[in-house]
Amino acid sequence: MSVLGLHHAGLYVSDLERSIAFYSDAFGLELAERFAFGAEEIAFLKLGAARLELIEASGGQRRAGVVDHVAFEVDDLNAALERLREHGVVLLDQAPLDVPELQARIFFCLGPDAERIELFEYVL
């Protein structure tokens, strides 16, 4: 298993349209993907080779303006999960989650200060 780079950072926002406009206008970021994922509306903005993920959750499940997680792109999600288990890392998901809109599988775990870490694998 190799960490290939930082894929994206996720940010909860209170108004997705407003935030897309802000990051596009103020920083020149370009909308790459947009879709619903469960009760959340998601927008990925291009940030060089990485992405900024904007998340609007119905019912205000998380505070807006808070960075939610860091995502590491991996080349073998199954091997990565095995390594995490071997190191006693707290796993948040029962199994990898498919995200067909991104042609990817994801999995969340916790870091030492309970920060959320996402492992992201493209499935081509």
N, C-alpha and C. Protein backbone atom coordinates (compact mmCIF):
# COMPACT_ATOMS: atom_id res chain seq x y z
N MET A 1 0.85 -1.17 0.00
CA MET A 1 0.00 0.00 0.00
C MET A 1 0.89 1.22 0.00
N SER A 2 0.57 2.18 -0.88
CA SER A 2 1.30 3.45 -0.95
C SER A 2 0.31 4.60 -0.92
N VAL A 3 0.61 5.61 -0.12
CA VAL A 3 -0.16 6.86 -0.18
C VAL A 3 0.37 7.62 -1.37
N LEU A 4 -0.52 7.95 -2.31
CA LEU A 4 -0.12 8.59 -3.56
C LEU A 4 -0.12 10.11 -3.49
N GLY A 5 -0.84 10.67 -2.52
CA GLY A 5 -0.91 12.12 -2.40
C GLY A 5 -2.18 12.53 -1.69
N LEU A 6 -2.31 13.80 -1.45
CA LEU A 6 -3.53 14.34 -0.85
C LEU A 6 -4.57 14.49 -1.95
N HIS A 7 -5.68 13.81 -1.81
CA HIS A 7 -6.72 13.87 -2.84
C HIS A 7 -7.61 15.09 -2.64
N HIS A 8 -8.17 15.27 -1.42
CA HIS A 8 -9.02 16.42 -1.18
C HIS A 8 -9.17 16.69 0.30
N ALA A 9 -9.66 17.88 0.61
CA ALA A 9 -10.09 18.24 1.95
C ALA A 9 -11.57 18.55 1.86
N GLY A 10 -12.34 18.10 2.85
CA GLY A 10 -13.79 18.30 2.84
C GLY A 10 -14.18 19.39 3.83
N LEU A 11 -15.08 20.26 3.40
CA LEU A 11 -15.52 21.40 4.21
C LEU A 11 -17.05 21.44 4.23
N TYR A 12 -17.63 21.37 5.44
CA TYR A 12 -19.08 21.52 5.55
C TYR A 12 -19.43 22.99 5.40
N VAL A 13 -20.47 23.26 4.61
CA VAL A 13 -20.92 24.62 4.35
C VAL A 13 -22.42 24.71 4.60
N SER A 14 -22.91 25.90 4.87
CA SER A 14 -24.34 26.07 5.13
C SER A 14 -25.14 26.30 3.86
N ASP A 15 -24.51 26.79 2.81
CA ASP A 15 -25.20 27.07 1.54
C ASP A 15 -24.25 26.71 0.40
N LEU A 16 -24.50 25.58 -0.23
CA LEU A 16 -23.60 25.06 -1.25
C LEU A 16 -23.46 26.03 -2.42
N GLU A 17 -24.55 26.58 -2.90
CA GLU A 17 -24.49 27.51 -4.04
C GLU A 17 -23.61 28.71 -3.73
N ARG A 18 -23.82 29.29 -2.55
CA ARG A 18 -23.03 30.45 -2.12
C ARG A 18 -21.55 30.10 -2.05
N SER A 19 -21.24 28.92 -1.50
CA SER A 19 -19.85 28.53 -1.34
C SER A 19 -19.18 28.21 -2.67
N ILE A 20 -19.91 27.57 -3.58
CA ILE A 20 -19.36 27.33 -4.92
C ILE A 20 -19.01 28.66 -5.58
N ALA A 21 -19.93 29.60 -5.49
CA ALA A 21 -19.69 30.93 -6.08
C ALA A 21 -18.50 31.61 -5.43
N PHE A 22 -18.41 31.54 -4.11
CA PHE A 22 -17.31 32.18 -3.38
C PHE A 22 -15.96 31.62 -3.82
N TYR A 23 -15.80 30.30 -3.77
CA TYR A 23 -14.51 29.69 -4.11
C TYR A 23 -14.19 29.85 -5.59
N SER A 24 -15.22 29.89 -6.43
CA SER A 24 -14.99 30.12 -7.86
C SER A 24 -14.58 31.56 -8.11
N ASP A 25 -15.32 32.50 -7.54
CA ASP A 25 -15.05 33.91 -7.76
C ASP A 25 -13.77 34.38 -7.06
N ALA A 26 -13.64 34.06 -5.79
CA ALA A 26 -12.53 34.59 -5.00
C ALA A 26 -11.20 33.91 -5.30
N PHE A 27 -11.24 32.62 -5.64
CA PHE A 27 -9.99 31.87 -5.81
C PHE A 27 -9.82 31.27 -7.20
N GLY A 28 -10.84 31.40 -8.05
CA GLY A 28 -10.73 30.86 -9.40
C GLY A 28 -10.85 29.35 -9.49
N LEU A 29 -11.37 28.71 -8.44
CA LEU A 29 -11.55 27.26 -8.49
C LEU A 29 -12.68 26.92 -9.44
N GLU A 30 -12.56 25.78 -10.08
CA GLU A 30 -13.52 25.36 -11.10
C GLU A 30 -14.29 24.14 -10.62
N LEU A 31 -15.61 24.16 -10.80
CA LEU A 31 -16.44 23.03 -10.42
C LEU A 31 -16.05 21.81 -11.25
N ALA A 32 -15.74 20.71 -10.57
CA ALA A 32 -15.33 19.48 -11.25
C ALA A 32 -16.46 18.45 -11.25
N GLU A 33 -17.05 18.19 -10.09
CA GLU A 33 -18.16 17.25 -9.97
C GLU A 33 -19.16 17.78 -8.97
N ARG A 34 -20.42 17.39 -9.17
CA ARG A 34 -21.47 17.75 -8.22
C ARG A 34 -22.50 16.64 -8.22
N PHE A 35 -22.90 16.20 -6.99
CA PHE A 35 -23.87 15.12 -6.88
C PHE A 35 -24.40 15.04 -5.46
N ALA A 36 -25.49 14.28 -5.30
CA ALA A 36 -26.04 13.99 -3.97
C ALA A 36 -25.43 12.68 -3.50
N PHE A 37 -25.11 12.62 -2.20
CA PHE A 37 -24.57 11.40 -1.60
C PHE A 37 -25.29 11.22 -0.28
N GLY A 38 -26.30 10.36 -0.26
CA GLY A 38 -27.15 10.23 0.92
C GLY A 38 -27.89 11.54 1.14
N ALA A 39 -27.82 12.06 2.37
CA ALA A 39 -28.52 13.30 2.72
C ALA A 39 -27.67 14.54 2.46
N GLU A 40 -26.53 14.36 1.80
CA GLU A 40 -25.62 15.48 1.56
C GLU A 40 -25.57 15.85 0.08
N GLU A 41 -25.40 17.14 -0.17
CA GLU A 41 -25.12 17.63 -1.52
C GLU A 41 -23.63 17.93 -1.57
N ILE A 42 -22.96 17.39 -2.58
CA ILE A 42 -21.50 17.45 -2.65
C ILE A 42 -21.08 18.21 -3.91
N ALA A 43 -20.07 19.04 -3.78
CA ALA A 43 -19.43 19.68 -4.94
C ALA A 43 -17.92 19.57 -4.76
N PHE A 44 -17.24 19.08 -5.79
CA PHE A 44 -15.78 19.04 -5.79
C PHE A 44 -15.28 20.15 -6.70
N LEU A 45 -14.39 20.99 -6.17
CA LEU A 45 -13.80 22.08 -6.94
C LEU A 45 -12.34 21.74 -7.20
N LYS A 46 -11.88 22.00 -8.42
CA LYS A 46 -10.49 21.73 -8.78
C LYS A 46 -9.58 22.69 -8.03
N LEU A 47 -8.53 22.10 -7.45
CA LEU A 47 -7.55 22.86 -6.68
C LEU A 47 -6.18 22.32 -7.08
N GLY A 48 -5.72 22.72 -8.28
CA GLY A 48 -4.51 22.11 -8.84
C GLY A 48 -4.78 20.65 -9.10
N ALA A 49 -3.90 19.78 -8.63
CA ALA A 49 -4.10 18.34 -8.79
C ALA A 49 -5.05 17.79 -7.73
N ALA A 50 -5.33 18.56 -6.69
CA ALA A 50 -6.21 18.12 -5.61
C ALA A 50 -7.61 18.71 -5.80
N ARG A 51 -8.47 18.45 -4.85
CA ARG A 51 -9.84 18.95 -4.88
C ARG A 51 -10.22 19.52 -3.52
N LEU A 52 -11.13 20.49 -3.53
CA LEU A 52 -11.79 20.97 -2.33
C LEU A 52 -13.22 20.45 -2.40
N GLU A 53 -13.61 19.67 -1.40
CA GLU A 53 -14.97 19.12 -1.37
C GLU A 53 -15.83 20.01 -0.48
N LEU A 54 -16.92 20.52 -1.05
CA LEU A 54 -17.89 21.30 -0.29
C LEU A 54 -19.09 20.41 -0.02
N ILE A 55 -19.53 20.37 1.23
CA ILE A 55 -20.60 19.46 1.65
C ILE A 55 -21.70 20.27 2.32
N GLU A 56 -22.92 20.18 1.80
CA GLU A 56 -24.08 20.76 2.46
C GLU A 56 -24.94 19.62 2.96
N ALA A 57 -25.09 19.52 4.27
CA ALA A 57 -25.85 18.43 4.88
C ALA A 57 -27.23 18.93 5.28
N SER A 58 -28.26 18.15 4.94
CA SER A 58 -29.60 18.52 5.38
C SER A 58 -29.69 18.30 6.88
N GLY A 59 -30.37 19.20 7.56
CA GLY A 59 -30.54 19.08 9.00
C GLY A 59 -29.35 19.55 9.81
N GLY A 60 -28.36 20.18 9.16
CA GLY A 60 -27.22 20.74 9.89
C GLY A 60 -26.50 19.73 10.76
N GLN A 61 -26.18 18.56 10.20
CA GLN A 61 -25.54 17.50 10.97
C GLN A 61 -24.18 17.91 11.51
N ARG A 62 -23.50 18.80 10.84
CA ARG A 62 -22.19 19.29 11.30
C ARG A 62 -22.17 20.79 11.18
N ARG A 63 -21.30 21.41 11.95
CA ARG A 63 -21.17 22.86 11.91
C ARG A 63 -20.55 23.31 10.60
N ALA A 64 -21.13 24.29 9.96
CA ALA A 64 -20.58 24.85 8.73
C ALA A 64 -19.26 25.54 9.01
N GLY A 65 -18.37 25.53 8.02
CA GLY A 65 -17.08 26.20 8.15
C GLY A 65 -16.02 25.36 8.82
N VAL A 66 -16.32 24.11 9.15
CA VAL A 66 -15.38 23.23 9.82
C VAL A 66 -14.79 22.27 8.80
N VAL A 67 -13.48 22.15 8.78
CA VAL A 67 -12.85 21.17 7.91
C VAL A 67 -13.19 19.81 8.49
N ASP A 68 -13.78 18.96 7.67
CA ASP A 68 -14.31 17.69 8.14
C ASP A 68 -13.31 16.55 8.10
N HIS A 69 -12.50 16.47 7.06
CA HIS A 69 -11.59 15.33 6.95
C HIS A 69 -10.48 15.62 5.96
N VAL A 70 -9.46 14.79 6.02
CA VAL A 70 -8.40 14.82 5.03
C VAL A 70 -8.50 13.49 4.29
N ALA A 71 -8.26 13.50 2.99
CA ALA A 71 -8.40 12.29 2.19
C ALA A 71 -7.07 11.94 1.52
N PHE A 72 -6.65 10.70 1.71
CA PHE A 72 -5.44 10.20 1.07
C PHE A 72 -5.83 9.25 -0.05
N GLU A 73 -5.31 9.52 -1.24
CA GLU A 73 -5.53 8.60 -2.35
C GLU A 73 -4.58 7.42 -2.18
N VAL A 74 -5.11 6.20 -2.27
CA VAL A 74 -4.30 4.99 -2.16
C VAL A 74 -4.48 4.15 -3.41
N ASP A 75 -3.51 3.27 -3.65
CA ASP A 75 -3.57 2.42 -4.84
C ASP A 75 -4.16 1.05 -4.55
N ASP A 76 -4.38 0.71 -3.27
CA ASP A 76 -4.95 -0.58 -2.90
C ASP A 76 -5.69 -0.41 -1.58
N LEU A 77 -6.98 -0.14 -1.66
CA LEU A 77 -7.77 0.15 -0.46
C LEU A 77 -7.83 -1.06 0.47
N ASN A 78 -7.95 -2.26 -0.08
CA ASN A 78 -8.01 -3.46 0.77
C ASN A 78 -6.73 -3.64 1.57
N ALA A 79 -5.58 -3.44 0.93
CA ALA A 79 -4.30 -3.54 1.64
C ALA A 79 -4.18 -2.45 2.69
N ALA A 80 -4.66 -1.26 2.37
CA ALA A 80 -4.62 -0.15 3.32
C ALA A 80 -5.44 -0.47 4.57
N LEU A 81 -6.64 -1.05 4.36
CA LEU A 81 -7.49 -1.40 5.50
C LEU A 81 -6.84 -2.47 6.36
N GLU A 82 -6.20 -3.43 5.75
CA GLU A 82 -5.50 -4.46 6.51
C GLU A 82 -4.39 -3.85 7.36
N ARG A 83 -3.66 -2.92 6.77
CA ARG A 83 -2.58 -2.25 7.51
C ARG A 83 -3.14 -1.46 8.69
N LEU A 84 -4.27 -0.76 8.48
CA LEU A 84 -4.90 -0.01 9.56
C LEU A 84 -5.33 -0.93 10.70
N ARG A 85 -5.93 -2.06 10.34
CA ARG A 85 -6.34 -3.03 11.35
C ARG A 85 -5.13 -3.51 12.15
N GLU A 86 -4.04 -3.80 11.46
CA GLU A 86 -2.82 -4.27 12.13
C GLU A 86 -2.28 -3.24 13.12
N HIS A 87 -2.52 -1.96 12.83
CA HIS A 87 -2.03 -0.88 13.70
C HIS A 87 -3.07 -0.43 14.73
N GLY A 88 -4.20 -1.11 14.80
CA GLY A 88 -5.22 -0.79 15.79
C GLY A 88 -5.93 0.52 15.56
N VAL A 89 -5.97 0.98 14.31
CA VAL A 89 -6.64 2.23 13.98
C VAL A 89 -8.15 2.05 14.09
N VAL A 90 -8.83 3.06 14.63
CA VAL A 90 -10.29 3.02 14.76
C VAL A 90 -10.89 3.21 13.37
N LEU A 91 -11.66 2.21 12.93
CA LEU A 91 -12.31 2.25 11.61
C LEU A 91 -13.75 2.70 11.79
N LEU A 92 -14.20 3.61 10.94
CA LEU A 92 -15.55 4.17 11.06
C LEU A 92 -16.58 3.49 10.18
N ASP A 93 -16.15 2.78 9.17
CA ASP A 93 -17.07 2.11 8.25
C ASP A 93 -16.91 0.60 8.41
N GLN A 94 -17.98 -0.13 8.13
CA GLN A 94 -17.94 -1.58 8.17
C GLN A 94 -17.21 -2.15 6.96
N ALA A 95 -17.35 -1.46 5.84
CA ALA A 95 -16.74 -1.89 4.57
C ALA A 95 -16.57 -0.65 3.71
N PRO A 96 -15.72 -0.72 2.68
CA PRO A 96 -15.58 0.43 1.77
C PRO A 96 -16.93 0.81 1.15
N LEU A 97 -17.09 2.10 0.91
CA LEU A 97 -18.30 2.63 0.30
C LEU A 97 -18.02 2.96 -1.16
N ASP A 98 -18.92 2.53 -2.04
CA ASP A 98 -18.79 2.86 -3.46
C ASP A 98 -19.32 4.26 -3.72
N VAL A 99 -18.59 5.03 -4.52
CA VAL A 99 -19.03 6.35 -4.96
C VAL A 99 -18.95 6.35 -6.48
N PRO A 100 -19.98 5.81 -7.14
CA PRO A 100 -19.92 5.66 -8.60
C PRO A 100 -19.73 6.97 -9.34
N GLU A 101 -20.22 8.08 -8.78
CA GLU A 101 -20.07 9.37 -9.45
C GLU A 101 -18.61 9.76 -9.59
N LEU A 102 -17.75 9.24 -8.72
CA LEU A 102 -16.33 9.54 -8.78
C LEU A 102 -15.51 8.34 -9.25
N GLN A 103 -16.19 7.26 -9.59
CA GLN A 103 -15.51 6.01 -9.96
C GLN A 103 -14.50 5.64 -8.88
N ALA A 104 -15.00 5.59 -7.64
CA ALA A 104 -14.10 5.40 -6.50
C ALA A 104 -14.75 4.58 -5.40
N ARG A 105 -13.90 4.13 -4.49
CA ARG A 105 -14.32 3.53 -3.22
C ARG A 105 -13.64 4.34 -2.12
N ILE A 106 -14.36 4.53 -1.01
CA ILE A 106 -13.83 5.31 0.10
C ILE A 106 -14.01 4.55 1.41
N PHE A 107 -13.24 4.97 2.40
CA PHE A 107 -13.32 4.36 3.72
C PHE A 107 -12.81 5.39 4.73
N PHE A 108 -13.49 5.49 5.87
CA PHE A 108 -13.10 6.46 6.90
C PHE A 108 -12.56 5.78 8.14
N CYS A 109 -11.56 6.44 8.75
CA CYS A 109 -11.00 5.99 10.02
C CYS A 109 -10.71 7.24 10.85
N LEU A 110 -10.21 7.02 12.07
CA LEU A 110 -9.89 8.14 12.95
C LEU A 110 -8.39 8.23 13.20
N GLY A 111 -7.90 9.46 13.29
CA GLY A 111 -6.53 9.71 13.69
C GLY A 111 -6.43 9.81 15.20
N PRO A 112 -5.26 10.12 15.72
CA PRO A 112 -5.04 10.10 17.17
C PRO A 112 -5.82 11.15 17.95
N ASP A 113 -6.24 12.23 17.30
CA ASP A 113 -7.06 13.25 17.97
C ASP A 113 -8.50 13.19 17.51
N ALA A 114 -8.92 12.02 17.02
CA ALA A 114 -10.28 11.78 16.53
C ALA A 114 -10.58 12.54 15.24
N GLU A 115 -9.52 12.99 14.54
CA GLU A 115 -9.75 13.61 13.24
C GLU A 115 -10.13 12.51 12.24
N ARG A 116 -11.04 12.86 11.34
CA ARG A 116 -11.50 11.90 10.33
C ARG A 116 -10.52 11.87 9.16
N ILE A 117 -10.16 10.66 8.76
CA ILE A 117 -9.26 10.45 7.63
C ILE A 117 -9.98 9.54 6.64
N GLU A 118 -10.02 9.96 5.40
CA GLU A 118 -10.65 9.18 4.34
C GLU A 118 -9.57 8.55 3.47
N LEU A 119 -9.74 7.29 3.15
CA LEU A 119 -8.90 6.64 2.15
C LEU A 119 -9.72 6.57 0.87
N PHE A 120 -9.12 6.95 -0.23
CA PHE A 120 -9.82 7.14 -1.50
C PHE A 120 -9.09 6.33 -2.56
N GLU A 121 -9.81 5.41 -3.22
CA GLU A 121 -9.22 4.60 -4.29
C GLU A 121 -10.08 4.71 -5.54
N TYR A 122 -9.45 5.12 -6.64
CA TYR A 122 -10.16 5.09 -7.92
C TYR A 122 -10.38 3.66 -8.35
N VAL A 123 -11.55 3.37 -8.89
CA VAL A 123 -11.87 2.04 -9.41
C VAL A 123 -12.20 2.23 -10.88
N LEU A 124 -11.30 1.83 -11.73
CA LEU A 124 -11.48 2.04 -13.18
C LEU A 124 -11.90 0.78 -13.87
